[in-house]
Amino acid sequence: LQGLKIRVMNHQLSIDLVQELGGSATPMSFGELYT
C-alpha cells in the first residue's frame, strides 16, 4: 500500500486505518470515485 492513494469514506477511523497500513487515505464522495 506504500505510495498508493486509497479512497476512503469521510470517517476518521477509515482514514487512520489506511494511514496505519502505509497508504495515503483520500476521503472522497463515492459518486466521484469512478472518474
Full PDB file with SEQRES, HELIX, SHEET, SSBOND, CRYST1, ORIGX, SCALE, CONECT and MASTER records, all heavy atoms in Angstrom:
SEQRES   1 A   35  LEU GLN GLY LEU LYS ILE ARG VAL MET ASN HIS GLN LEU          
SEQRES   2 A   35  SER ILE ASP LEU VAL GLN GLU LEU GLY GLY SER ALA THR          
SEQRES   3 A   35  PRO MET SER PHE GLY GLU LEU TYR THR                          
HELIX    1 AA1 GLN A   12  LEU A   21  1                                  10    
HELIX    2 AA2 PHE A   30  GLU A   32  5                                   3    
SHEET    1 AA1 2 LYS A   5  VAL A   8  0                                        
SHEET    2 AA1 2 SER A  24  PRO A  27  1                                        
CRYST1    1.000    1.000    1.000  90.00  90.00  90.00 P 1           1          
ORIGX1      1.000000  0.000000  0.000000        0.00000                         
ORIGX2      0.000000  1.000000  0.000000        0.00000                         
ORIGX3      0.000000  0.000000  1.000000        0.00000                         
SCALE1      1.000000  0.000000  0.000000        0.00000                         
SCALE2      0.000000  1.000000  0.000000        0.00000                         
SCALE3      0.000000  0.000000  1.000000        0.00000                         
ATOM      1  N   LEU A   1       0.817  -1.217   0.000  1.00  0.00           N  
ATOM      2  CA  LEU A   1       0.000   0.000   0.000  1.00  0.00           C  
ATOM      3  C   LEU A   1       0.851   1.268   0.000  1.00  0.00           C  
ATOM      4  O   LEU A   1       0.334   2.363  -0.226  1.00  0.00           O  
ATOM      5  CB  LEU A   1      -0.930   0.019   1.218  1.00  0.00           C  
ATOM      6  CG  LEU A   1      -2.135  -0.931   1.152  1.00  0.00           C  
ATOM      7  CD1 LEU A   1      -2.754  -1.103   2.536  1.00  0.00           C  
ATOM      8  CD2 LEU A   1      -3.175  -0.413   0.170  1.00  0.00           C  
ATOM      9  N   GLN A   2       2.139   1.107   0.249  1.00  0.00           N  
ATOM     10  CA  GLN A   2       3.044   2.263   0.289  1.00  0.00           C  
ATOM     11  C   GLN A   2       2.970   3.044  -1.022  1.00  0.00           C  
ATOM     12  O   GLN A   2       3.097   2.482  -2.107  1.00  0.00           O  
ATOM     13  CB  GLN A   2       4.486   1.799   0.507  1.00  0.00           C  
ATOM     14  CG  GLN A   2       4.776   1.254   1.888  1.00  0.00           C  
ATOM     15  CD  GLN A   2       4.902   2.347   2.947  1.00  0.00           C  
ATOM     16  OE1 GLN A   2       5.029   3.517   2.634  1.00  0.00           O  
ATOM     17  NE2 GLN A   2       4.848   1.944   4.213  1.00  0.00           N  
ATOM     18  N   GLY A   3       2.738   4.354  -0.906  1.00  0.00           N  
ATOM     19  CA  GLY A   3       2.703   5.217  -2.077  1.00  0.00           C  
ATOM     20  C   GLY A   3       1.391   5.225  -2.833  1.00  0.00           C  
ATOM     21  O   GLY A   3       1.245   5.955  -3.823  1.00  0.00           O  
ATOM     22  N   LEU A   4       0.404   4.422  -2.395  1.00  0.00           N  
ATOM     23  CA  LEU A   4      -0.891   4.377  -3.085  1.00  0.00           C  
ATOM     24  C   LEU A   4      -1.901   5.317  -2.429  1.00  0.00           C  
ATOM     25  O   LEU A   4      -2.029   5.353  -1.203  1.00  0.00           O  
ATOM     26  CB  LEU A   4      -1.447   2.955  -3.082  1.00  0.00           C  
ATOM     27  CG  LEU A   4      -0.658   1.887  -3.854  1.00  0.00           C  
ATOM     28  CD1 LEU A   4      -1.405   0.562  -3.821  1.00  0.00           C  
ATOM     29  CD2 LEU A   4      -0.417   2.325  -5.293  1.00  0.00           C  
ATOM     30  N   LYS A   5      -2.613   6.060  -3.258  1.00  0.00           N  
ATOM     31  CA  LYS A   5      -3.704   6.916  -2.772  1.00  0.00           C  
ATOM     32  C   LYS A   5      -4.984   6.068  -2.783  1.00  0.00           C  
ATOM     33  O   LYS A   5      -5.444   5.641  -3.846  1.00  0.00           O  
ATOM     34  CB  LYS A   5      -3.861   8.153  -3.657  1.00  0.00           C  
ATOM     35  CG  LYS A   5      -2.638   9.066  -3.656  1.00  0.00           C  
ATOM     36  CD  LYS A   5      -2.905  10.363  -4.404  1.00  0.00           C  
ATOM     37  CE  LYS A   5      -3.113  10.161  -5.891  1.00  0.00           C  
ATOM     38  NZ  LYS A   5      -1.884   9.690  -6.582  1.00  0.00           N  
ATOM     39  N   ILE A   6      -5.535   5.839  -1.599  1.00  0.00           N  
ATOM     40  CA  ILE A   6      -6.705   4.975  -1.458  1.00  0.00           C  
ATOM     41  C   ILE A   6      -7.915   5.798  -1.022  1.00  0.00           C  
ATOM     42  O   ILE A   6      -7.883   6.459   0.018  1.00  0.00           O  
ATOM     43  CB  ILE A   6      -6.447   3.857  -0.421  1.00  0.00           C  
ATOM     44  CG1 ILE A   6      -5.223   3.026  -0.827  1.00  0.00           C  
ATOM     45  CG2 ILE A   6      -7.684   2.978  -0.273  1.00  0.00           C  
ATOM     46  CD1 ILE A   6      -5.367   2.264  -2.116  1.00  0.00           C  
ATOM     47  N   ARG A   7      -8.974   5.738  -1.810  1.00  0.00           N  
ATOM     48  CA  ARG A   7     -10.198   6.453  -1.435  1.00  0.00           C  
ATOM     49  C   ARG A   7     -10.832   5.789  -0.222  1.00  0.00           C  
ATOM     50  O   ARG A   7     -10.948   4.552  -0.135  1.00  0.00           O  
ATOM     51  CB  ARG A   7     -11.194   6.441  -2.595  1.00  0.00           C  
ATOM     52  CG  ARG A   7     -12.526   7.132  -2.257  1.00  0.00           C  
ATOM     53  CD  ARG A   7     -13.579   6.195  -1.706  1.00  0.00           C  
ATOM     54  NE  ARG A   7     -14.796   6.903  -1.273  1.00  0.00           N  
ATOM     55  CZ  ARG A   7     -15.839   6.325  -0.694  1.00  0.00           C  
ATOM     56  NH1 ARG A   7     -15.829   5.030  -0.454  1.00  0.00           N  
ATOM     57  NH2 ARG A   7     -16.898   7.044  -0.329  1.00  0.00           N  
ATOM     58  N   VAL A   8     -11.256   6.606   0.750  1.00  0.00           N  
ATOM     59  CA  VAL A   8     -11.983   6.120   1.921  1.00  0.00           C  
ATOM     60  C   VAL A   8     -13.197   7.008   2.153  1.00  0.00           C  
ATOM     61  O   VAL A   8     -13.306   8.102   1.599  1.00  0.00           O  
ATOM     62  CB  VAL A   8     -11.101   6.125   3.195  1.00  0.00           C  
ATOM     63  CG1 VAL A   8      -9.957   5.139   3.067  1.00  0.00           C  
ATOM     64  CG2 VAL A   8     -10.582   7.531   3.479  1.00  0.00           C  
ATOM     65  N   MET A   9     -14.115   6.537   2.970  1.00  0.00           N  
ATOM     66  CA  MET A   9     -15.239   7.375   3.396  1.00  0.00           C  
ATOM     67  C   MET A   9     -14.693   8.493   4.283  1.00  0.00           C  
ATOM     68  O   MET A   9     -13.606   8.373   4.855  1.00  0.00           O  
ATOM     69  CB  MET A   9     -16.246   6.541   4.185  1.00  0.00           C  
ATOM     70  CG  MET A   9     -16.857   5.400   3.400  1.00  0.00           C  
ATOM     71  SD  MET A   9     -17.978   4.399   4.402  1.00  0.00           S  
ATOM     72  CE  MET A   9     -19.334   5.543   4.643  1.00  0.00           C  
ATOM     73  N   ASN A  10     -15.469   9.554   4.407  1.00  0.00           N  
ATOM     74  CA  ASN A  10     -15.063  10.658   5.272  1.00  0.00           C  
ATOM     75  C   ASN A  10     -15.356  10.272   6.726  1.00  0.00           C  
ATOM     76  O   ASN A  10     -16.303  10.739   7.343  1.00  0.00           O  
ATOM     77  CB  ASN A  10     -15.808  11.941   4.891  1.00  0.00           C  
ATOM     78  CG  ASN A  10     -15.272  13.153   5.629  1.00  0.00           C  
ATOM     79  OD1 ASN A  10     -14.181  13.095   6.211  1.00  0.00           O  
ATOM     80  ND2 ASN A  10     -16.016  14.227   5.643  1.00  0.00           N  
ATOM     81  N   HIS A  11     -14.517   9.384   7.224  1.00  0.00           N  
ATOM     82  CA  HIS A  11     -14.707   8.775   8.543  1.00  0.00           C  
ATOM     83  C   HIS A  11     -13.325   8.572   9.132  1.00  0.00           C  
ATOM     84  O   HIS A  11     -12.453   7.948   8.514  1.00  0.00           O  
ATOM     85  CB  HIS A  11     -15.458   7.443   8.373  1.00  0.00           C  
ATOM     86  CG  HIS A  11     -15.502   6.607   9.599  1.00  0.00           C  
ATOM     87  ND1 HIS A  11     -14.891   5.365   9.693  1.00  0.00           N  
ATOM     88  CD2 HIS A  11     -16.092   6.822  10.800  1.00  0.00           C  
ATOM     89  CE1 HIS A  11     -15.103   4.872  10.888  1.00  0.00           C  
ATOM     90  NE2 HIS A  11     -15.822   5.722  11.578  1.00  0.00           N  
ATOM     91  N   GLN A  12     -13.077   9.116  10.320  1.00  0.00           N  
ATOM     92  CA  GLN A  12     -11.720   9.199  10.852  1.00  0.00           C  
ATOM     93  C   GLN A  12     -11.038   7.838  11.001  1.00  0.00           C  
ATOM     94  O   GLN A  12      -9.861   7.690  10.683  1.00  0.00           O  
ATOM     95  CB  GLN A  12     -11.722   9.929  12.200  1.00  0.00           C  
ATOM     96  CG  GLN A  12     -10.326  10.328  12.670  1.00  0.00           C  
ATOM     97  CD  GLN A  12      -9.601  11.210  11.658  1.00  0.00           C  
ATOM     98  OE1 GLN A  12     -10.145  12.219  11.219  1.00  0.00           O  
ATOM     99  NE2 GLN A  12      -8.392  10.831  11.274  1.00  0.00           N  
ATOM    100  N   LEU A  13     -11.771   6.832  11.480  1.00  0.00           N  
ATOM    101  CA  LEU A  13     -11.144   5.525  11.674  1.00  0.00           C  
ATOM    102  C   LEU A  13     -10.740   4.904  10.333  1.00  0.00           C  
ATOM    103  O   LEU A  13      -9.691   4.252  10.235  1.00  0.00           O  
ATOM    104  CB  LEU A  13     -12.087   4.590  12.433  1.00  0.00           C  
ATOM    105  CG  LEU A  13     -11.490   3.258  12.900  1.00  0.00           C  
ATOM    106  CD1 LEU A  13     -10.238   3.470  13.735  1.00  0.00           C  
ATOM    107  CD2 LEU A  13     -12.520   2.455  13.685  1.00  0.00           C  
ATOM    108  N   SER A  14     -11.541   5.126   9.296  1.00  0.00           N  
ATOM    109  CA  SER A  14     -11.204   4.614   7.963  1.00  0.00           C  
ATOM    110  C   SER A  14      -9.940   5.292   7.439  1.00  0.00           C  
ATOM    111  O   SER A  14      -9.066   4.652   6.837  1.00  0.00           O  
ATOM    112  CB  SER A  14     -12.360   4.859   6.991  1.00  0.00           C  
ATOM    113  OG  SER A  14     -13.529   4.191   7.409  1.00  0.00           O  
ATOM    114  N   ILE A  15      -9.850   6.591   7.682  1.00  0.00           N  
ATOM    115  CA  ILE A  15      -8.656   7.348   7.276  1.00  0.00           C  
ATOM    116  C   ILE A  15      -7.431   6.834   8.026  1.00  0.00           C  
ATOM    117  O   ILE A  15      -6.381   6.561   7.436  1.00  0.00           O  
ATOM    118  CB  ILE A  15      -8.861   8.850   7.551  1.00  0.00           C  
ATOM    119  CG1 ILE A  15      -9.986   9.406   6.658  1.00  0.00           C  
ATOM    120  CG2 ILE A  15      -7.572   9.638   7.324  1.00  0.00           C  
ATOM    121  CD1 ILE A  15     -10.429  10.811   7.018  1.00  0.00           C  
ATOM    122  N   ASP A  16      -7.595   6.678   9.337  1.00  0.00           N  
ATOM    123  CA  ASP A  16      -6.477   6.239  10.181  1.00  0.00           C  
ATOM    124  C   ASP A  16      -5.997   4.840   9.790  1.00  0.00           C  
ATOM    125  O   ASP A  16      -4.794   4.550   9.845  1.00  0.00           O  
ATOM    126  CB  ASP A  16      -6.881   6.250  11.652  1.00  0.00           C  
ATOM    127  CG  ASP A  16      -7.107   7.665  12.186  1.00  0.00           C  
ATOM    128  OD1 ASP A  16      -6.650   8.620  11.533  1.00  0.00           O  
ATOM    129  OD2 ASP A  16      -7.751   7.799  13.240  1.00  0.00           O  
ATOM    130  N   LEU A  17      -6.935   3.970   9.410  1.00  0.00           N  
ATOM    131  CA  LEU A  17      -6.569   2.597   9.055  1.00  0.00           C  
ATOM    132  C   LEU A  17      -5.644   2.570   7.840  1.00  0.00           C  
ATOM    133  O   LEU A  17      -4.595   1.915   7.863  1.00  0.00           O  
ATOM    134  CB  LEU A  17      -7.821   1.770   8.773  1.00  0.00           C  
ATOM    135  CG  LEU A  17      -7.573   0.367   8.213  1.00  0.00           C  
ATOM    136  CD1 LEU A  17      -6.792  -0.484   9.209  1.00  0.00           C  
ATOM    137  CD2 LEU A  17      -8.878  -0.313   7.836  1.00  0.00           C  
ATOM    138  N   VAL A  18      -6.029   3.280   6.780  1.00  0.00           N  
ATOM    139  CA  VAL A  18      -5.203   3.297   5.565  1.00  0.00           C  
ATOM    140  C   VAL A  18      -3.832   3.894   5.861  1.00  0.00           C  
ATOM    141  O   VAL A  18      -2.797   3.398   5.405  1.00  0.00           O  
ATOM    142  CB  VAL A  18      -5.912   4.055   4.432  1.00  0.00           C  
ATOM    143  CG1 VAL A  18      -4.973   4.279   3.245  1.00  0.00           C  
ATOM    144  CG2 VAL A  18      -7.143   3.279   3.975  1.00  0.00           C  
ATOM    145  N   GLN A  19      -3.826   4.967   6.651  1.00  0.00           N  
ATOM    146  CA  GLN A  19      -2.549   5.596   7.009  1.00  0.00           C  
ATOM    147  C   GLN A  19      -1.668   4.631   7.808  1.00  0.00           C  
ATOM    148  O   GLN A  19      -0.461   4.536   7.586  1.00  0.00           O  
ATOM    149  CB  GLN A  19      -2.805   6.869   7.830  1.00  0.00           C  
ATOM    150  CG  GLN A  19      -3.629   7.941   7.134  1.00  0.00           C  
ATOM    151  CD  GLN A  19      -2.905   8.605   5.979  1.00  0.00           C  
ATOM    152  OE1 GLN A  19      -3.410   8.709   4.885  1.00  0.00           O  
ATOM    153  NE2 GLN A  19      -1.696   9.063   6.226  1.00  0.00           N  
ATOM    154  N   GLU A  20      -2.277   3.908   8.740  1.00  0.00           N  
ATOM    155  CA  GLU A  20      -1.534   2.962   9.582  1.00  0.00           C  
ATOM    156  C   GLU A  20      -0.935   1.829   8.751  1.00  0.00           C  
ATOM    157  O   GLU A  20       0.164   1.345   9.026  1.00  0.00           O  
ATOM    158  CB  GLU A  20      -2.465   2.381  10.657  1.00  0.00           C  
ATOM    159  CG  GLU A  20      -1.768   1.626  11.762  1.00  0.00           C  
ATOM    160  CD  GLU A  20      -0.985   2.531  12.699  1.00  0.00           C  
ATOM    161  OE1 GLU A  20      -1.450   3.670  12.974  1.00  0.00           O  
ATOM    162  OE2 GLU A  20       0.089   2.108  13.167  1.00  0.00           O  
ATOM    163  N   LEU A  21      -1.664   1.433   7.713  1.00  0.00           N  
ATOM    164  CA  LEU A  21      -1.191   0.342   6.861  1.00  0.00           C  
ATOM    165  C   LEU A  21      -0.149   0.803   5.845  1.00  0.00           C  
ATOM    166  O   LEU A  21       0.438  -0.020   5.136  1.00  0.00           O  
ATOM    167  CB  LEU A  21      -2.369  -0.310   6.134  1.00  0.00           C  
ATOM    168  CG  LEU A  21      -3.352  -1.098   7.022  1.00  0.00           C  
ATOM    169  CD1 LEU A  21      -4.545  -1.576   6.205  1.00  0.00           C  
ATOM    170  CD2 LEU A  21      -2.661  -2.276   7.693  1.00  0.00           C  
ATOM    171  N   GLY A  22       0.051   2.120   5.752  1.00  0.00           N  
ATOM    172  CA  GLY A  22       1.098   2.641   4.877  1.00  0.00           C  
ATOM    173  C   GLY A  22       0.627   3.336   3.630  1.00  0.00           C  
ATOM    174  O   GLY A  22       1.428   3.883   2.865  1.00  0.00           O  
ATOM    175  N   GLY A  23      -0.699   3.348   3.386  1.00  0.00           N  
ATOM    176  CA  GLY A  23      -1.232   4.032   2.216  1.00  0.00           C  
ATOM    177  C   GLY A  23      -1.512   5.497   2.504  1.00  0.00           C  
ATOM    178  O   GLY A  23      -1.320   5.976   3.627  1.00  0.00           O  
ATOM    179  N   SER A  24      -1.977   6.199   1.479  1.00  0.00           N  
ATOM    180  CA  SER A  24      -2.361   7.599   1.632  1.00  0.00           C  
ATOM    181  C   SER A  24      -3.876   7.697   1.512  1.00  0.00           C  
ATOM    182  O   SER A  24      -4.439   7.536   0.423  1.00  0.00           O  
ATOM    183  CB  SER A  24      -1.688   8.448   0.541  1.00  0.00           C  
ATOM    184  OG  SER A  24      -2.107   9.796   0.627  1.00  0.00           O  
ATOM    185  N   ALA A  25      -4.551   7.913   2.645  1.00  0.00           N  
ATOM    186  CA  ALA A  25      -6.010   7.951   2.662  1.00  0.00           C  
ATOM    187  C   ALA A  25      -6.534   9.213   1.983  1.00  0.00           C  
ATOM    188  O   ALA A  25      -6.062  10.312   2.263  1.00  0.00           O  
ATOM    189  CB  ALA A  25      -6.511   7.882   4.103  1.00  0.00           C  
ATOM    190  N   THR A  26      -7.511   9.025   1.097  1.00  0.00           N  
ATOM    191  CA  THR A  26      -8.091  10.154   0.357  1.00  0.00           C  
ATOM    192  C   THR A  26      -9.610  10.121   0.494  1.00  0.00           C  
ATOM    193  O   THR A  26     -10.294   9.399  -0.239  1.00  0.00           O  
ATOM    194  CB  THR A  26      -7.698  10.080  -1.133  1.00  0.00           C  
ATOM    195  OG1 THR A  26      -6.278   9.956  -1.248  1.00  0.00           O  
ATOM    196  CG2 THR A  26      -8.166  11.310  -1.887  1.00  0.00           C  
ATOM    197  N   PRO A  27     -10.188  10.874   1.441  1.00  0.00           N  
ATOM    198  CA  PRO A  27     -11.645  10.915   1.573  1.00  0.00           C  
ATOM    199  C   PRO A  27     -12.273  11.497   0.309  1.00  0.00           C  
ATOM    200  O   PRO A  27     -11.781  12.481  -0.249  1.00  0.00           O  
ATOM    201  CB  PRO A  27     -11.861  11.846   2.777  1.00  0.00           C  
ATOM    202  CG  PRO A  27     -10.559  11.822   3.512  1.00  0.00           C  
ATOM    203  CD  PRO A  27      -9.505  11.674   2.454  1.00  0.00           C  
ATOM    204  N   MET A  28     -13.358  10.871  -0.139  1.00  0.00           N  
ATOM    205  CA  MET A  28     -13.977  11.302  -1.385  1.00  0.00           C  
ATOM    206  C   MET A  28     -15.396  10.742  -1.468  1.00  0.00           C  
ATOM    207  O   MET A  28     -15.678   9.657  -0.956  1.00  0.00           O  
ATOM    208  CB  MET A  28     -13.144  10.786  -2.570  1.00  0.00           C  
ATOM    209  CG  MET A  28     -13.674  11.120  -3.942  1.00  0.00           C  
ATOM    210  SD  MET A  28     -12.644  10.357  -5.229  1.00  0.00           S  
ATOM    211  CE  MET A  28     -11.084  11.211  -4.953  1.00  0.00           C  
ATOM    212  N   SER A  29     -16.283  11.482  -2.112  1.00  0.00           N  
ATOM    213  CA  SER A  29     -17.637  11.003  -2.348  1.00  0.00           C  
ATOM    214  C   SER A  29     -17.601   9.747  -3.213  1.00  0.00           C  
ATOM    215  O   SER A  29     -16.833   9.672  -4.178  1.00  0.00           O  
ATOM    216  CB  SER A  29     -18.452  12.093  -3.050  1.00  0.00           C  
ATOM    217  OG  SER A  29     -19.604  11.552  -3.655  1.00  0.00           O  
ATOM    218  N   PHE A  30     -18.437   8.778  -2.890  1.00  0.00           N  
ATOM    219  CA  PHE A  30     -18.484   7.534  -3.657  1.00  0.00           C  
ATOM    220  C   PHE A  30     -18.884   7.807  -5.104  1.00  0.00           C  
ATOM    221  O   PHE A  30     -18.403   7.150  -6.030  1.00  0.00           O  
ATOM    222  CB  PHE A  30     -19.466   6.551  -3.005  1.00  0.00           C  
ATOM    223  CG  PHE A  30     -19.379   5.150  -3.535  1.00  0.00           C  
ATOM    224  CD1 PHE A  30     -18.251   4.385  -3.338  1.00  0.00           C  
ATOM    225  CD2 PHE A  30     -20.452   4.594  -4.223  1.00  0.00           C  
ATOM    226  CE1 PHE A  30     -18.163   3.081  -3.825  1.00  0.00           C  
ATOM    227  CE2 PHE A  30     -20.379   3.294  -4.713  1.00  0.00           C  
ATOM    228  CZ  PHE A  30     -19.242   2.531  -4.511  1.00  0.00           C  
ATOM    229  N   GLY A  31     -19.759   8.779  -5.307  1.00  0.00           N  
ATOM    230  CA  GLY A  31     -20.216   9.108  -6.650  1.00  0.00           C  
ATOM    231  C   GLY A  31     -19.119   9.653  -7.551  1.00  0.00           C  
ATOM    232  O   GLY A  31     -19.224   9.596  -8.781  1.00  0.00           O  
ATOM    233  N   GLU A  32     -18.066  10.199  -6.963  1.00  0.00           N  
ATOM    234  CA  GLU A  32     -16.955  10.770  -7.739  1.00  0.00           C  
ATOM    235  C   GLU A  32     -15.848   9.756  -8.013  1.00  0.00           C  
ATOM    236  O   GLU A  32     -14.914  10.022  -8.768  1.00  0.00           O  
ATOM    237  CB  GLU A  32     -16.334  11.953  -6.970  1.00  0.00           C  
ATOM    238  CG  GLU A  32     -17.289  13.096  -6.683  1.00  0.00           C  
ATOM    239  CD  GLU A  32     -16.681  14.150  -5.773  1.00  0.00           C  
ATOM    240  OE1 GLU A  32     -15.516  13.958  -5.364  1.00  0.00           O  
ATOM    241  OE2 GLU A  32     -17.355  15.134  -5.471  1.00  0.00           O  
ATOM    242  N   LEU A  33     -15.961   8.580  -7.404  1.00  0.00           N  
ATOM    243  CA  LEU A  33     -14.827   7.657  -7.378  1.00  0.00           C  
ATOM    244  C   LEU A  33     -14.500   7.033  -8.730  1.00  0.00           C  
ATOM    245  O   LEU A  33     -13.321   6.877  -9.072  1.00  0.00           O  
ATOM    246  CB  LEU A  33     -15.080   6.566  -6.333  1.00  0.00           C  
ATOM    247  CG  LEU A  33     -13.978   5.529  -6.134  1.00  0.00           C  
ATOM    248  CD1 LEU A  33     -12.624   6.184  -5.903  1.00  0.00           C  
ATOM    249  CD2 LEU A  33     -14.331   4.596  -4.966  1.00  0.00           C  
ATOM    250  N   TYR A  34     -15.502   6.669  -9.517  1.00  0.00           N  
ATOM    251  CA  TYR A  34     -15.220   6.013 -10.802  1.00  0.00           C  
ATOM    252  C   TYR A  34     -14.314   6.898 -11.665  1.00  0.00           C  
ATOM    253  O   TYR A  34     -13.284   6.441 -12.179  1.00  0.00           O  
ATOM    254  CB  TYR A  34     -16.522   5.706 -11.547  1.00  0.00           C  
ATOM    255  CG  TYR A  34     -16.328   4.847 -12.783  1.00  0.00           C  
ATOM    256  CD1 TYR A  34     -16.534   3.475 -12.732  1.00  0.00           C  
ATOM    257  CD2 TYR A  34     -15.928   5.402 -13.997  1.00  0.00           C  
ATOM    258  CE1 TYR A  34     -16.355   2.667 -13.856  1.00  0.00           C  
ATOM    259  CE2 TYR A  34     -15.736   4.620 -15.128  1.00  0.00           C  
ATOM    260  CZ  TYR A  34     -15.954   3.256 -15.051  1.00  0.00           C  
ATOM    261  OH  TYR A  34     -15.760   2.467 -16.160  1.00  0.00           O  
ATOM    262  N   THR A  35     -14.700   8.158 -11.793  1.00  0.00           N  
ATOM    263  CA  THR A  35     -13.904   9.092 -12.598  1.00  0.00           C  
ATOM    264  C   THR A  35     -12.524   9.300 -11.986  1.00  0.00           C  
ATOM    265  O   THR A  35     -11.516   9.382 -12.703  1.00  0.00           O  
ATOM    266  CB  THR A  35     -14.632  10.446 -12.727  1.00  0.00           C  
ATOM    267  OG1 THR A  35     -15.917  10.232 -13.324  1.00  0.00           O  
ATOM    268  CG2 THR A  35     -13.836  11.417 -13.581  1.00  0.00           C  
TER     269      THR A  35                                                      
MASTER        0    0    0    2    2    0    0    6  268    1    0    3          
END                                                                             
